[in-house]
C-alpha atoms as a PDB file:
ATOM      1  CA  MET A   1     -37.652 -53.683  11.191  1.00  0.00           C
ATOM      2  CA  LYS A   2     -35.052 -54.077  13.925  1.00  0.00           C
ATOM      3  CA  VAL A   3     -35.755 -55.048  17.540  1.00  0.00           C
ATOM      4  CA  LEU A   4     -33.577 -52.775  19.687  1.00  0.00           C
ATOM      5  CA  THR A   5     -34.488 -54.410  22.966  1.00  0.00           C
ATOM      6  CA  GLU A   6     -36.872 -56.983  24.360  1.00  0.00           C
ATOM      7  CA  VAL A   7     -37.018 -57.849  28.060  1.00  0.00           C
ATOM      8  CA  VAL A   8     -39.414 -59.514  30.471  1.00  0.00           C
ATOM      9  CA  PHE A   9     -39.844 -58.710  34.155  1.00  0.00           C
ATOM     10  CA  SER A  10     -41.565 -61.222  36.438  1.00  0.00           C
ATOM     11  CA  ILE A  11     -43.821 -59.726  39.093  1.00  0.00           C
ATOM     12  CA  LYS A  12     -43.872 -61.730  42.300  1.00  0.00           C
ATOM     13  CA  PRO A  13     -46.588 -60.507  44.676  1.00  0.00           C
ATOM     14  CA  LEU A  14     -45.610 -60.406  48.347  1.00  0.00           C
ATOM     15  CA  SER A  15     -47.551 -62.654  50.686  1.00  0.00           C
ATOM     16  CA  GLU A  16     -46.670 -60.258  53.489  1.00  0.00           C
ATOM     17  CA  VAL A  17     -44.649 -57.111  54.008  1.00  0.00           C
ATOM     18  CA  PRO A  18     -41.188 -57.722  55.478  1.00  0.00           C
ATOM     19  CA  PRO A  19     -41.503 -56.839  59.192  1.00  0.00           C
ATOM     20  CA  GLU A  20     -38.475 -54.545  59.114  1.00  0.00           C
ATOM     21  CA  ILE A  21     -40.134 -52.280  56.539  1.00  0.00           C
ATOM     22  CA  ALA A  22     -43.327 -51.736  58.532  1.00  0.00           C
ATOM     23  CA  LYS A  23     -41.312 -51.371  61.763  1.00  0.00           C
ATOM     24  CA  ARG A  24     -38.934 -48.814  60.248  1.00  0.00           C
ATOM     25  CA  TRP A  25     -41.840 -46.708  58.992  1.00  0.00           C
ATOM     26  CA  LEU A  26     -43.585 -46.978  62.365  1.00  0.00           C
ATOM     27  CA  ASP A  27     -40.446 -46.151  64.369  1.00  0.00           C
ATOM     28  CA  ASP A  28     -39.419 -43.217  62.184  1.00  0.00           C
ATOM     29  CA  THR A  29     -42.881 -41.689  62.148  1.00  0.00           C
ATOM     30  CA  SER A  30     -43.410 -42.151  65.881  1.00  0.00           C
ATOM     31  CA  ALA A  31     -39.994 -40.713  66.676  1.00  0.00           C
ATOM     32  CA  SER A  32     -40.844 -37.529  64.789  1.00  0.00           C
ATOM     33  CA  ALA A  33     -44.041 -36.902  66.759  1.00  0.00           C
ATOM     34  CA  GLU A  34     -42.520 -34.555  69.338  1.00  0.00           C
ATOM     35  CA  VAL A  35     -40.458 -32.780  66.688  1.00  0.00           C
ATOM     36  CA  MET A  36     -43.558 -32.077  64.584  1.00  0.00           C
ATOM     37  CA  ASN A  37     -45.509 -30.853  67.588  1.00  0.00           C
ATOM     38  CA  ASN A  38     -42.699 -28.543  68.690  1.00  0.00           C
ATOM     39  CA  ARG A  39     -42.430 -27.093  65.193  1.00  0.00           C
ATOM     40  CA  ARG A  40     -46.179 -26.542  65.119  1.00  0.00           C
ATOM     41  CA  LYS A  41     -46.064 -24.629  68.403  1.00  0.00           C
ATOM     42  CA  ALA A  42     -43.061 -22.590  67.272  1.00  0.00           C
ATOM     43  CA  LYS A  43     -44.792 -21.620  64.025  1.00  0.00           C
ATOM     44  CA  ILE A  44     -48.260 -20.917  65.458  1.00  0.00           C
ATOM     45  CA  LYS A  45     -47.745 -19.694  69.019  1.00  0.00           C
ATOM     46  CA  ASN A  46     -51.058 -17.923  69.490  1.00  0.00           C
ATOM     47  CA  ARG A  47     -54.292 -16.784  67.848  1.00  0.00           C
ATOM     48  CA  GLY A  48     -52.521 -13.946  66.066  1.00  0.00           C
ATOM     49  CA  ASP A  49     -50.137 -16.312  64.332  1.00  0.00           C
ATOM     50  CA  TYR A  50     -53.071 -18.540  63.367  1.00  0.00           C
ATOM     51  CA  GLU A  51     -54.968 -15.623  61.855  1.00  0.00           C
ATOM     52  CA  ASN A  52     -51.949 -14.353  59.932  1.00  0.00           C
ATOM     53  CA  LEU A  53     -50.817 -17.724  58.600  1.00  0.00           C
ATOM     54  CA  ILE A  54     -54.143 -19.476  58.065  1.00  0.00           C
ATOM     55  CA  SER A  55     -57.194 -17.239  58.337  1.00  0.00           C
ATOM     56  CA  GLU A  56     -55.820 -14.339  56.308  1.00  0.00           C
ATOM     57  CA  ILE A  57     -54.345 -16.460  53.522  1.00  0.00           C
ATOM     58  CA  SER A  58     -57.463 -18.621  53.329  1.00  0.00           C
ATOM     59  CA  SER A  59     -59.658 -15.515  53.208  1.00  0.00           C
ATOM     60  CA  GLN A  60     -57.611 -13.938  50.423  1.00  0.00           C
ATOM     61  CA  LYS A  61     -57.843 -17.051  48.279  1.00  0.00           C
ATOM     62  CA  TYR A  62     -61.557 -17.483  49.019  1.00  0.00           C
ATOM     63  CA  ARG A  63     -62.267 -13.847  48.107  1.00  0.00           C
ATOM     64  CA  SER A  64     -61.128 -14.385  44.514  1.00  0.00           C
ATOM     65  CA  TYR A  65     -63.786 -17.090  44.017  1.00  0.00           C
ATOM     66  CA  VAL A  66     -66.749 -14.863  44.948  1.00  0.00           C
ATOM     67  CA  ASP A  67     -68.336 -12.920  42.094  1.00  0.00           C
ATOM     68  CA  PRO A  68     -68.459  -9.170  42.912  1.00  0.00           C
ATOM     69  CA  ASN A  69     -72.137  -9.095  41.905  1.00  0.00           C
ATOM     70  CA  PHE A  70     -73.158 -12.179  43.855  1.00  0.00           C
ATOM     71  CA  ILE A  71     -75.790 -11.872  46.588  1.00  0.00           C
ATOM     72  CA  SER A  72     -76.437 -14.845  48.848  1.00  0.00           C
ATOM     73  CA  ARG A  73     -79.896 -16.163  49.738  1.00  0.00           C
ATOM     74  CA  THR A  74     -79.536 -14.396  53.080  1.00  0.00           C
ATOM     75  CA  GLY A  75     -78.741 -11.097  51.355  1.00  0.00           C
ATOM     76  CA  LEU A  76     -74.971 -10.969  51.913  1.00  0.00           C
ATOM     77  CA  ASN A  77     -72.751  -9.316  49.307  1.00  0.00           C
ATOM     78  CA  LYS A  78     -69.138 -10.230  48.489  1.00  0.00           C
ATOM     79  CA  SER A  79     -67.561  -8.132  51.255  1.00  0.00           C
ATOM     80  CA  GLU A  80     -69.941  -9.511  53.875  1.00  0.00           C
ATOM     81  CA  ILE A  81     -69.445 -13.090  52.690  1.00  0.00           C
ATOM     82  CA  THR A  82     -65.644 -12.872  52.781  1.00  0.00           C
ATOM     83  CA  ALA A  83     -65.749 -11.161  56.189  1.00  0.00           C
ATOM     84  CA  LYS A  84     -67.890 -14.005  57.514  1.00  0.00           C
ATOM     85  CA  HIS A  85     -65.515 -16.539  56.012  1.00  0.00           C
ATOM     86  CA  TYR A  86     -62.564 -14.845  57.747  1.00  0.00           C
ATOM     87  CA  LYS A  87     -64.409 -14.870  61.078  1.00  0.00           C
ATOM     88  CA  ASN A  88     -65.245 -18.561  60.714  1.00  0.00           C
ATOM     89  CA  CYS A  89     -61.578 -19.321  60.007  1.00  0.00           C
ATOM     90  CA  SER A  90     -60.460 -17.297  63.013  1.00  0.00           C
ATOM     91  CA  ASP A  91     -63.017 -18.976  65.257  1.00  0.00           C
ATOM     92  CA  GLY A  92     -61.461 -22.305  64.291  1.00  0.00           C
ATOM     93  CA  TYR A  93     -58.302 -21.555  66.276  1.00  0.00           C
ATOM     94  CA  ASP A  94     -59.528 -23.104  69.507  1.00  0.00           C
ATOM     95  CA  LYS A  95     -60.671 -26.278  67.748  1.00  0.00           C
ATOM     96  CA  TYR A  96     -57.361 -26.498  65.876  1.00  0.00           C
ATOM     97  CA  ASN A  97     -55.282 -25.969  69.004  1.00  0.00           C
ATOM     98  CA  ASN A  98     -57.323 -28.195  71.287  1.00  0.00           C
ATOM     99  CA  LYS A  99     -57.441 -31.044  68.792  1.00  0.00           C
ATOM    100  CA  LEU A 100     -53.669 -31.098  68.277  1.00  0.00           C
ATOM    101  CA  ASP A 101     -52.957 -30.676  71.984  1.00  0.00           C
ATOM    102  CA  TYR A 102     -55.172 -33.695  72.600  1.00  0.00           C
ATOM    103  CA  VAL A 103     -53.451 -35.812  69.935  1.00  0.00           C
ATOM    104  CA  TYR A 104     -49.951 -34.929  71.136  1.00  0.00           C
ATOM    105  CA  GLU A 105     -50.702 -35.011  74.859  1.00  0.00           C
ATOM    106  CA  THR A 106     -48.474 -37.090  77.140  1.00  0.00           C
ATOM    107  CA  VAL A 107     -50.617 -39.966  78.395  1.00  0.00           C
ATOM    108  CA  ASP A 108     -49.472 -42.595  80.901  1.00  0.00           C
ATOM    109  CA  GLY A 109     -46.008 -41.075  80.720  1.00  0.00           C
ATOM    110  CA  VAL A 110     -45.812 -41.544  76.921  1.00  0.00           C
ATOM    111  CA  PRO A 111     -45.381 -38.321  74.898  1.00  0.00           C
ATOM    112  CA  ALA A 112     -47.821 -38.069  71.983  1.00  0.00           C
ATOM    113  CA  LYS A 113     -49.331 -41.441  72.877  1.00  0.00           C
ATOM    114  CA  ARG A 114     -52.552 -40.950  70.894  1.00  0.00           C
ATOM    115  CA  TYR A 115     -50.602 -39.854  67.816  1.00  0.00           C
ATOM    116  CA  LYS A 116     -48.336 -42.898  68.057  1.00  0.00           C
ATOM    117  CA  GLU A 117     -51.343 -45.193  68.417  1.00  0.00           C
ATOM    118  CA  ARG A 118     -52.804 -43.736  65.245  1.00  0.00           C
ATOM    119  CA  VAL A 119     -49.500 -44.299  63.455  1.00  0.00           C
ATOM    120  CA  ALA A 120     -49.466 -47.915  64.651  1.00  0.00           C
ATOM    121  CA  ARG A 121     -52.944 -48.507  63.221  1.00  0.00           C
ATOM    122  CA  ALA A 122     -51.965 -46.857  59.963  1.00  0.00           C
ATOM    123  CA  ALA A 123     -48.807 -48.992  59.776  1.00  0.00           C
ATOM    124  CA  ALA A 124     -50.875 -52.158  60.239  1.00  0.00           C
ATOM    125  CA  ASN A 125     -53.264 -51.129  57.451  1.00  0.00           C
ATOM    126  CA  TYR A 126     -50.339 -50.144  55.234  1.00  0.00           C
ATOM    127  CA  GLY A 127     -48.649 -53.497  55.716  1.00  0.00           C
ATOM    128  CA  ALA A 128     -51.843 -55.484  55.283  1.00  0.00           C
ATOM    129  CA  GLY A 129     -52.892 -53.899  52.010  1.00  0.00           C
ATOM    130  CA  VAL A 130     -51.118 -51.094  50.219  1.00  0.00           C
ATOM    131  CA  ALA A 131     -47.503 -52.085  50.780  1.00  0.00           C
ATOM    132  CA  LYS A 132     -47.901 -55.661  49.586  1.00  0.00           C
ATOM    133  CA  LYS A 133     -49.063 -54.399  46.204  1.00  0.00           C
ATOM    134  CA  LEU A 134     -46.623 -51.489  45.886  1.00  0.00           C
ATOM    135  CA  LEU A 135     -43.540 -53.409  46.990  1.00  0.00           C
ATOM    136  CA  SER A 136     -44.235 -56.052  44.362  1.00  0.00           C
ATOM    137  CA  PHE A 137     -43.492 -53.364  41.773  1.00  0.00           C
ATOM    138  CA  THR A 138     -40.959 -51.107  43.518  1.00  0.00           C
ATOM    139  CA  GLY A 139     -38.951 -53.922  45.161  1.00  0.00           C
ATOM    140  CA  THR A 140     -37.373 -54.348  48.591  1.00  0.00           C
ATOM    141  CA  LYS A 141     -33.843 -54.419  49.931  1.00  0.00           C
ATOM    142  CA  ALA A 142     -33.894 -58.221  50.165  1.00  0.00           C
ATOM    143  CA  ARG A 143     -35.486 -58.807  46.745  1.00  0.00           C
ATOM    144  CA  GLY A 144     -33.812 -55.948  44.876  1.00  0.00           C
ATOM    145  CA  LEU A 145     -35.470 -53.500  42.504  1.00  0.00           C
ATOM    146  CA  GLY A 146     -38.941 -54.318  41.255  1.00  0.00           C
ATOM    147  CA  PRO A 147     -40.106 -54.080  37.630  1.00  0.00           C
ATOM    148  CA  ALA A 148     -41.595 -50.592  37.969  1.00  0.00           C
ATOM    149  CA  ALA A 149     -38.215 -49.318  39.155  1.00  0.00           C
ATOM    150  CA  MET A 150     -36.120 -51.264  36.653  1.00  0.00           C
ATOM    151  CA  ALA A 151     -38.144 -50.681  33.472  1.00  0.00           C
ATOM    152  CA  PRO A 152     -37.692 -46.874  33.328  1.00  0.00           C
ATOM    153  CA  LYS A 153     -33.959 -47.333  33.877  1.00  0.00           C
ATOM    154  CA  TRP A 154     -33.721 -49.912  31.078  1.00  0.00           C
ATOM    155  CA  LEU A 155     -35.692 -47.685  28.710  1.00  0.00           C
ATOM    156  CA  ASP A 156     -33.374 -44.793  29.558  1.00  0.00           C
ATOM    157  CA  GLY A 157     -30.224 -46.665  28.620  1.00  0.00           C
ATOM    158  CA  ASP A 158     -29.163 -48.066  32.011  1.00  0.00           C
ATOM    159  CA  ASN A 159     -27.183 -51.223  31.218  1.00  0.00           C
ATOM    160  CA  SER A 160     -26.162 -51.725  34.851  1.00  0.00           C
ATOM    161  CA  LEU A 161     -29.232 -53.910  35.415  1.00  0.00           C
ATOM    162  CA  ARG A 162     -28.443 -57.597  35.482  1.00  0.00           C
ATOM    163  CA  ALA A 163     -30.621 -60.466  34.353  1.00  0.00           C
ATOM    164  CA  GLY A 164     -31.876 -62.672  37.138  1.00  0.00           C
ATOM    165  CA  ASP A 165     -34.916 -64.566  38.325  1.00  0.00           C
ATOM    166  CA  ALA A 166     -37.198 -61.593  37.745  1.00  0.00           C
ATOM    167  CA  PHE A 167     -35.449 -60.088  34.723  1.00  0.00           C
ATOM    168  CA  GLU A 168     -34.884 -61.821  31.397  1.00  0.00           C
ATOM    169  CA  ILE A 169     -33.185 -60.216  28.419  1.00  0.00           C
ATOM    170  CA  ILE A 170     -34.612 -61.730  25.243  1.00  0.00           C
ATOM    171  CA  LYS A 171     -32.827 -59.495  22.778  1.00  0.00           C
ATOM    172  CA  GLY A 172     -30.660 -56.401  22.602  1.00  0.00           C
ATOM    173  CA  SER A 173     -29.657 -54.125  25.460  1.00  0.00           C
ATOM    174  CA  ALA A 174     -30.889 -51.044  27.277  1.00  0.00           C
ATOM    175  CA  VAL A 175     -31.944 -48.217  24.958  1.00  0.00           C
ATOM    176  CA  VAL A 176     -32.547 -44.501  25.494  1.00  0.00           C
ATOM    177  CA  VAL A 177     -36.143 -44.111  24.337  1.00  0.00           C
ATOM    178  CA  PRO A 178     -37.175 -40.639  25.608  1.00  0.00           C
ATOM    179  CA  LYS A 179     -36.519 -37.343  23.896  1.00  0.00           C
ATOM    180  CA  PRO A 180     -33.227 -35.751  25.018  1.00  0.00           C
ATOM    181  CA  GLY A 181     -34.902 -33.069  27.112  1.00  0.00           C
ATOM    182  CA  LEU A 182     -37.364 -35.444  28.747  1.00  0.00           C
ATOM    183  CA  ARG A 183     -35.150 -38.143  30.235  1.00  0.00           C
ATOM    184  CA  SER A 184     -35.665 -37.173  33.878  1.00  0.00           C
ATOM    185  CA  ALA A 185     -39.359 -36.494  33.306  1.00  0.00           C
ATOM    186  CA  PHE A 186     -39.674 -39.844  31.545  1.00  0.00           C
ATOM    187  CA  ARG A 187     -38.436 -41.794  34.548  1.00  0.00           C
ATOM    188  CA  ALA A 188     -40.509 -39.675  36.899  1.00  0.00           C
ATOM    189  CA  ALA A 189     -43.671 -40.326  34.874  1.00  0.00           C
ATOM    190  CA  LEU A 190     -43.246 -43.970  33.896  1.00  0.00           C
ATOM    191  CA  GLU A 191     -42.425 -45.495  37.289  1.00  0.00           C
ATOM    192  CA  PRO A 192     -45.554 -44.294  39.141  1.00  0.00           C
ATOM    193  CA  LYS A 193     -47.677 -45.168  36.117  1.00  0.00           C
ATOM    194  CA  LEU A 194     -46.347 -48.717  36.132  1.00  0.00           C
ATOM    195  CA  ILE A 195     -46.967 -48.993  39.874  1.00  0.00           C
ATOM    196  CA  TYR A 196     -50.508 -47.628  39.642  1.00  0.00           C
ATOM    197  CA  SER A 197     -51.472 -49.728  36.625  1.00  0.00           C
ATOM    198  CA  GLY A 198     -49.915 -52.900  37.974  1.00  0.00           C
ATOM    199  CA  ALA A 199     -51.719 -52.567  41.299  1.00  0.00           C
ATOM    200  CA  ALA A 200     -54.975 -51.759  39.475  1.00  0.00           C
ATOM    201  CA  ILE A 201     -54.639 -54.910  37.365  1.00  0.00           C
ATOM    202  CA  ILE A 202     -54.149 -57.004  40.505  1.00  0.00           C
ATOM    203  CA  ARG A 203     -57.179 -55.356  42.133  1.00  0.00           C
ATOM    204  CA  GLY A 204     -59.139 -56.025  38.945  1.00  0.00           C
ATOM    205  CA  ASP A 205     -58.312 -59.734  39.216  1.00  0.00           C
ATOM    206  CA  PHE A 206     -56.438 -59.611  35.881  1.00  0.00           C
ATOM    207  CA  GLN A 207     -59.618 -59.081  33.877  1.00  0.00           C
ATOM    208  CA  ALA A 208     -58.802 -58.652  30.191  1.00  0.00           C
ATOM    209  CA  ASP A 209     -60.502 -55.277  29.833  1.00  0.00           C
ATOM    210  CA  VAL A 210     -58.626 -53.887  32.858  1.00  0.00           C
ATOM    211  CA  VAL A 211     -55.282 -55.125  31.525  1.00  0.00           C
ATOM    212  CA  LEU A 212     -56.013 -53.704  28.060  1.00  0.00           C
ATOM    213  CA  ARG A 213     -57.033 -50.283  29.386  1.00  0.00           C
ATOM    214  CA  HIS A 214     -53.921 -49.876  31.490  1.00  0.00           C
ATOM    215  CA  ASN A 215     -51.601 -51.179  28.787  1.00  0.00           C
ATOM    216  CA  ASP A 216     -53.107 -48.684  26.352  1.00  0.00           C
ATOM    217  CA  GLU A 217     -52.450 -45.853  28.837  1.00  0.00           C
ATOM    218  CA  ILE A 218     -48.837 -46.934  29.387  1.00  0.00           C
ATOM    219  CA  ASN A 219     -48.168 -47.125  25.650  1.00  0.00           C
ATOM    220  CA  MET A 220     -49.748 -43.714  25.099  1.00  0.00           C
ATOM    221  CA  LEU A 221     -47.270 -42.328  27.646  1.00  0.00           C
ATOM    222  CA  MET A 222     -44.411 -44.032  25.800  1.00  0.00           C
ATOM    223  CA  ASN A 223     -45.466 -42.484  22.491  1.00  0.00           C
ATOM    224  CA  ALA A 224     -45.761 -39.043  24.042  1.00  0.00           C
ATOM    225  CA  MET A 225     -42.199 -39.120  25.357  1.00  0.00           C
ATOM    226  CA  ALA A 226     -40.353 -41.262  22.780  1.00  0.00           C
ATOM    227  CA  ASN A 227     -37.626 -39.651  20.699  1.00  0.00           C
ATOM    228  CA  PRO A 228     -38.874 -39.323  17.084  1.00  0.00           C
ATOM    229  CA  ALA A 229     -35.271 -39.427  15.861  1.00  0.00           C
ATOM    230  CA  LEU A 230     -35.172 -43.135  16.741  1.00  0.00           C
ATOM    231  CA  ASN A 231     -37.826 -43.818  14.093  1.00  0.00           C
ATOM    232  CA  LEU A 232     -39.544 -46.391  16.312  1.00  0.00           C
ATOM    233  CA  VAL A 233     -42.601 -48.420  15.523  1.00  0.00           C
ATOM    234  CA  PRO A 234     -45.322 -46.623  17.558  1.00  0.00           C
ATOM    235  CA  PHE A 235     -45.973 -48.174  20.949  1.00  0.00           C
ATOM    236  CA  ALA A 236     -49.249 -50.070  21.097  1.00  0.00           C
ATOM    237  CA  THR A 237     -50.636 -52.866  23.231  1.00  0.00           C
ATOM    238  CA  GLY A 238     -49.481 -56.127  21.646  1.00  0.00           C
ATOM    239  CA  GLY A 239     -47.614 -54.243  18.904  1.00  0.00           C
ATOM    240  CA  ASP A 240     -44.036 -54.513  17.643  1.00  0.00           C
ATOM    241  CA  SER A 241     -43.172 -51.812  20.187  1.00  0.00           C
ATOM    242  CA  HIS A 242     -44.954 -52.118  23.504  1.00  0.00           C
ATOM    243  CA  VAL A 243     -44.737 -51.927  27.308  1.00  0.00           C
ATOM    244  CA  ASP A 244     -47.398 -54.458  28.322  1.00  0.00           C
ATOM    245  CA  TYR A 245     -48.543 -56.176  31.458  1.00  0.00           C
ATOM    246  CA  MET A 246     -49.613 -59.756  30.787  1.00  0.00           C
ATOM    247  CA  VAL A 247     -50.109 -63.164  32.372  1.00  0.00           C
ATOM    248  CA  ASN A 248     -48.307 -66.065  30.699  1.00  0.00           C
ATOM    249  CA  ASP A 249     -49.546 -69.623  30.246  1.00  0.00           C
ATOM    250  CA  ALA A 250     -48.020 -70.595  33.590  1.00  0.00           C
ATOM    251  CA  GLY A 251     -50.048 -67.920  35.346  1.00  0.00           C
ATOM    252  CA  VAL A 252     -47.051 -65.648  36.040  1.00  0.00           C
ATOM    253  CA  PHE A 253     -47.710 -61.896  35.992  1.00  0.00           C
ATOM    254  CA  LEU A 254     -45.211 -60.213  33.647  1.00  0.00           C
ATOM    255  CA  LEU A 255     -44.160 -56.838  32.339  1.00  0.00           C
ATOM    256  CA  HIS A 256     -43.067 -57.386  28.725  1.00  0.00           C
ATOM    257  CA  ILE A 257     -41.123 -54.669  26.937  1.00  0.00           C
ATOM    258  CA  LYS A 258     -40.251 -54.577  23.269  1.00  0.00           C
ATOM    259  CA  VAL A 259     -38.814 -51.634  21.342  1.00  0.00           C
ATOM    260  CA  THR A 260     -38.649 -51.944  17.564  1.00  0.00           C
ATOM    261  CA  GLN A 261     -37.163 -49.582  15.003  1.00  0.00           C
ATOM    262  CA  LYS A 262     -38.789 -49.177  11.598  1.00  0.00           C
END
């Protein structure tokens, strides 16, 4: 057997989200408030637009789900049920319009103040929880690419990555693992899977069964997309070919990749 590549990525959880990231998201989203509201008003100017764009389309889709022979407990047949559904959708126009007018209303001289306050609360929650986990895997401008962003590139032959504090090349170089027609799909599938599984392992407090389950899922994905012409040892958790999350003896969270040819 021949080891084509073996690399290790260190995962360094963020203690806090860099302020510029949360601020940029907050500023960009808040700045678009008036634009979104103006587009909404331009698209749905009145009840007629609402009925054509929402009520009618919703009713058509709903109609296909109702069995022609169905009779409700109140004695309504399909035509009567779908007509009632359409009316309920149409009656929702005032609630729809009033709710959005309220959210985007200028208050205390601030356009869309309530919307912007909601965005600020969401940004705080994002920074306090979600972002700290995600950015550990995707990376930041200051820290560079994270392991979930680098690993798919390395496994698709990108040798532009350079070894550093978070990236150690043990053997070989980048290798194109996916089937020729699946290279773009491979990157698109592997990165979010690595992010999701890595964050789930952290949430699961690195319990062995959680780590094993997610590693098995990652390696199943690798097998599904690997090029059979490479004659690789099948990917398996802890096997001669694997993409595994693990914690080393020093307590460092790692993504260990090994690709072996038969």
